[in-house]
Every structure is written in structure tokens, then in C-alpha cells.
C-alpha atoms as a PDB file:
ATOM      1  CA  MET A   1     116.195  80.988  92.358  1.00  0.00           C
ATOM      2  CA  ALA A   2     118.399  79.818  95.179  1.00  0.00           C
ATOM      3  CA  THR A   3     120.372  82.604  96.761  1.00  0.00           C
ATOM      4  CA  GLU A   4     124.061  81.872  96.432  1.00  0.00           C
ATOM      5  CA  THR A   5     125.963  83.104  99.443  1.00  0.00           C
ATOM      6  CA  THR A   6     129.477  84.236  98.747  1.00  0.00           C
ATOM      7  CA  THR A   7     130.709  85.863 101.906  1.00  0.00           C
ATOM      8  CA  LYS A   8     133.199  88.653 101.345  1.00  0.00           C
ATOM      9  CA  HIS A   9     132.568  90.252 104.720  1.00  0.00           C
ATOM     10  CA  THR A  10     134.027  89.015 107.989  1.00  0.00           C
ATOM     11  CA  PRO A  11     131.850  86.060 109.006  1.00  0.00           C
ATOM     12  CA  GLY A  12     129.606  86.396 112.030  1.00  0.00           C
ATOM     13  CA  PRO A  13     128.683  86.260 114.725  1.00  0.00           C
ATOM     14  CA  TRP A  14     129.562  89.844 115.533  1.00  0.00           C
ATOM     15  CA  ALA A  15     129.381  91.282 119.043  1.00  0.00           C
ATOM     16  CA  VAL A  16     129.294  94.727 120.622  1.00  0.00           C
ATOM     17  CA  CYS A  17     132.407  95.450 122.692  1.00  0.00           C
ATOM     18  CA  THR A  18     132.492  98.153 125.354  1.00  0.00           C
ATOM     19  CA  TRP A  19     135.077 100.595 126.622  1.00  0.00           C
ATOM     20  CA  ALA A  20     137.290  99.238 129.388  1.00  0.00           C
ATOM     21  CA  SER A  21     136.636 100.221 132.984  1.00  0.00           C
ATOM     22  CA  HIS A  22     139.541 102.703 133.074  1.00  0.00           C
ATOM     23  CA  MET A  23     138.227 104.702 130.079  1.00  0.00           C
ATOM     24  CA  PRO A  24     136.079 107.854 130.377  1.00  0.00           C
ATOM     25  CA  LEU A  25     133.109 106.147 128.688  1.00  0.00           C
ATOM     26  CA  SER A  26     133.383 102.876 130.614  1.00  0.00           C
ATOM     27  CA  GLY A  27     130.625 100.436 129.647  1.00  0.00           C
ATOM     28  CA  TRP A  28     129.659 102.310 126.484  1.00  0.00           C
ATOM     29  CA  PRO A  29     129.936 100.568 123.096  1.00  0.00           C
ATOM     30  CA  SER A  30     133.408 101.112 121.650  1.00  0.00           C
ATOM     31  CA  GLU A  31     133.393  98.794 118.642  1.00  0.00           C
ATOM     32  CA  VAL A  32     131.752  95.859 116.928  1.00  0.00           C
ATOM     33  CA  CYS A  33     134.003  92.797 116.691  1.00  0.00           C
ATOM     34  CA  ALA A  34     133.766  89.410 115.038  1.00  0.00           C
ATOM     35  CA  ASP A  35     133.132  87.064 117.944  1.00  0.00           C
ATOM     36  CA  ASP A  36     135.829  84.393 117.889  1.00  0.00           C
ATOM     37  CA  GLY A  37     134.740  83.047 121.277  1.00  0.00           C
ATOM     38  CA  GLU A  38     138.026  84.063 122.895  1.00  0.00           C
ATOM     39  CA  GLY A  39     137.636  87.828 123.014  1.00  0.00           C
ATOM     40  CA  ASP A  40     140.236  88.377 120.292  1.00  0.00           C
ATOM     41  CA  GLY A  41     137.905  88.955 117.356  1.00  0.00           C
ATOM     42  CA  THR A  42     138.532  91.148 114.345  1.00  0.00           C
ATOM     43  CA  THR A  43     137.342  94.740 114.741  1.00  0.00           C
ATOM     44  CA  ILE A  44     134.496  95.435 112.313  1.00  0.00           C
ATOM     45  CA  CYS A  45     134.019  99.102 113.220  1.00  0.00           C
ATOM     46  CA  MET A  46     134.848 101.526 116.006  1.00  0.00           C
ATOM     47  CA  PHE A  47     132.693 104.259 117.504  1.00  0.00           C
ATOM     48  CA  TYR A  48     134.667 107.455 117.626  1.00  0.00           C
ATOM     49  CA  LYS A  49     133.897 111.098 118.190  1.00  0.00           C
ATOM     50  CA  VAL A  50     136.276 113.961 118.829  1.00  0.00           C
ATOM     51  CA  ASP A  51     134.246 115.216 121.788  1.00  0.00           C
ATOM     52  CA  LEU A  52     133.914 112.038 123.860  1.00  0.00           C
ATOM     53  CA  TYR A  53     131.280 113.614 126.079  1.00  0.00           C
ATOM     54  CA  ASP A  54     128.932 114.578 123.243  1.00  0.00           C
ATOM     55  CA  PHE A  55     127.668 111.056 122.481  1.00  0.00           C
ATOM     56  CA  ASP A  56     123.997 110.156 122.403  1.00  0.00           C
ATOM     57  CA  ARG A  57     124.361 106.902 124.320  1.00  0.00           C
ATOM     58  CA  ALA A  58     121.007 105.460 123.256  1.00  0.00           C
ATOM     59  CA  ALA A  59     121.822 106.075 119.583  1.00  0.00           C
ATOM     60  CA  VAL A  60     125.345 104.647 119.941  1.00  0.00           C
ATOM     61  CA  GLU A  61     123.992 101.490 121.615  1.00  0.00           C
ATOM     62  CA  ALA A  62     121.214 101.082 119.020  1.00  0.00           C
ATOM     63  CA  ASN A  63     123.670 101.550 116.137  1.00  0.00           C
ATOM     64  CA  ALA A  64     126.101  99.060 117.683  1.00  0.00           C
ATOM     65  CA  ARG A  65     123.369  96.426 118.068  1.00  0.00           C
ATOM     66  CA  LEU A  66     122.197  96.938 114.475  1.00  0.00           C
ATOM     67  CA  ILE A  67     125.729  96.665 113.071  1.00  0.00           C
ATOM     68  CA  ALA A  68     126.449  93.576 115.186  1.00  0.00           C
ATOM     69  CA  ALA A  69     123.257  91.944 113.862  1.00  0.00           C
ATOM     70  CA  ALA A  70     124.187  92.570 110.197  1.00  0.00           C
ATOM     71  CA  PRO A  71     125.485  89.054 109.355  1.00  0.00           C
ATOM     72  CA  ASP A  72     122.395  87.470 110.949  1.00  0.00           C
ATOM     73  CA  LEU A  73     120.070  89.904 109.176  1.00  0.00           C
ATOM     74  CA  LEU A  74     121.711  89.194 105.807  1.00  0.00           C
ATOM     75  CA  ALA A  75     121.381  85.442 106.335  1.00  0.00           C
ATOM     76  CA  ALA A  76     117.731  85.843 107.367  1.00  0.00           C
ATOM     77  CA  CYS A  77     116.983  87.972 104.287  1.00  0.00           C
ATOM     78  CA  GLU A  78     118.642  85.405 102.029  1.00  0.00           C
ATOM     79  CA  ALA A  79     116.654  82.552 103.612  1.00  0.00           C
ATOM     80  CA  ALA A  80     113.395  84.502 103.395  1.00  0.00           C
ATOM     81  CA  LEU A  81     114.050  85.343  99.741  1.00  0.00           C
ATOM     82  CA  ASP A  82     114.728  81.690  98.949  1.00  0.00           C
ATOM     83  CA  GLU A  83     111.457  80.650 100.583  1.00  0.00           C
ATOM     84  CA  LEU A  84     109.385  83.399  98.994  1.00  0.00           C
ATOM     85  CA  GLU A  85     110.807  82.761  95.545  1.00  0.00           C
ATOM     86  CA  TYR A  86     110.210  79.021  95.917  1.00  0.00           C
ATOM     87  CA  PHE A  87     106.573  79.435  96.971  1.00  0.00           C
ATOM     88  CA  HIS A  88     105.801  82.717  95.161  1.00  0.00           C
ATOM     89  CA  GLU A  89     102.941  82.786  92.744  1.00  0.00           C
ATOM     90  CA  PRO A  90     102.059  86.014  90.904  1.00  0.00           C
ATOM     91  CA  GLN A  91      98.532  86.097  92.358  1.00  0.00           C
ATOM     92  CA  MET A  92      99.894  86.222  95.940  1.00  0.00           C
ATOM     93  CA  THR A  93      99.103  89.771  97.019  1.00  0.00           C
ATOM     94  CA  GLY A  94     102.025  91.733  98.405  1.00  0.00           C
ATOM     95  CA  THR A  95     104.811  89.206  97.907  1.00  0.00           C
ATOM     96  CA  SER A  96     106.247  90.851  94.786  1.00  0.00           C
ATOM     97  CA  GLY A  97     107.043  93.989  96.775  1.00  0.00           C
ATOM     98  CA  ILE A  98     108.572  91.965  99.588  1.00  0.00           C
ATOM     99  CA  ILE A  99     110.725  90.007  97.130  1.00  0.00           C
ATOM    100  CA  ARG A 100     111.838  93.260  95.489  1.00  0.00           C
ATOM    101  CA  ASP A 101     112.703  94.764  98.895  1.00  0.00           C
ATOM    102  CA  LEU A 102     114.622  91.655  99.988  1.00  0.00           C
ATOM    103  CA  ARG A 103     116.602  91.631  96.731  1.00  0.00           C
ATOM    104  CA  ALA A 104     117.431  95.319  97.190  1.00  0.00           C
ATOM    105  CA  ALA A 105     118.523  94.856 100.815  1.00  0.00           C
ATOM    106  CA  ILE A 106     120.686  91.844  99.950  1.00  0.00           C
ATOM    107  CA  ALA A 107     122.244  93.679  97.006  1.00  0.00           C
ATOM    108  CA  LYS A 108     122.990  96.679  99.226  1.00  0.00           C
ATOM    109  CA  ALA A 109     124.683  94.433 101.789  1.00  0.00           C
ATOM    110  CA  ARG A 110     126.695  92.651  99.099  1.00  0.00           C
ATOM    111  CA  GLY A 111     127.532  95.826  97.192  1.00  0.00           C
ATOM    112  CA  THR A 112     125.913  94.555  94.010  1.00  0.00           C
ATOM    113  CA  ASN A 113     123.232  95.827  91.674  1.00  0.00           C
ATOM    114  CA  THR A 114     119.687  94.486  92.244  1.00  0.00           C
ATOM    115  CA  GLU A 115     119.296  93.988  88.491  1.00  0.00           C
ATOM    116  CA  ASN A 116     122.025  91.329  88.708  1.00  0.00           C
ATOM    117  CA  GLU A 117     120.240  89.559  91.554  1.00  0.00           C
ATOM    118  CA  GLN A 118     117.293  88.222  89.560  1.00  0.00           C
END
């Protein structure tokens, strides 16, 4: 089965943007934006907390990187699923679980049911 990509999300690439130099958390991730190459990309999400000084910087940076990688990760999962389904043979140990997991991850990203992704 070829995976049909119908993008409803803002297309990538996405990039982590940081607070401006005049802000209290200068240099910290502030949002993830669609990278339009000109610095005017669409905001995907913002990092916000009422107490600005109670952030776990490492967690905020890790979350920002993971969110920014989402379009690339979805595309990689779709490509991997296509390849595995093309070459998959029932006797190949372990691939059924991987295919199931890829279908579930793709369905979660698309907001669909894995049963419809067969």
C-alpha cells in the first residue's frame, strides 16, 4: 500500500524561534514557526508559562526541537512504512510490529483511526 500524503498541517520545514534579546528569557525557545526562509513564518506553537522564571530550560528546548521535527518525522515514517509494506513478507521477524507502530504513529499525526490506514 502506498501511503497517500494529504497535508492538512502547515508544511515544513519548521524551526525553533527564540525570545528576543530584550526579553527576560533571551535566547530561550519562544515558539516553533514554519520556516519561510525570510523569518516571517507562521507560528505553529508558543511556549508560555505564567511564571516565566519557573521553566525547565532543557525540557523546553527538547520539546521545541521535537515539535519542530514533526513534519520531517511524519515524512520519514510514511517513507519507512511504504518501504516496509513493499518488501514485507509475513515470515520476516519483527516487521509486523514495526508496521503496526508506524501506522499508529502516522494515524496519530494525521488525526485518523489506524483501522482506516490499512
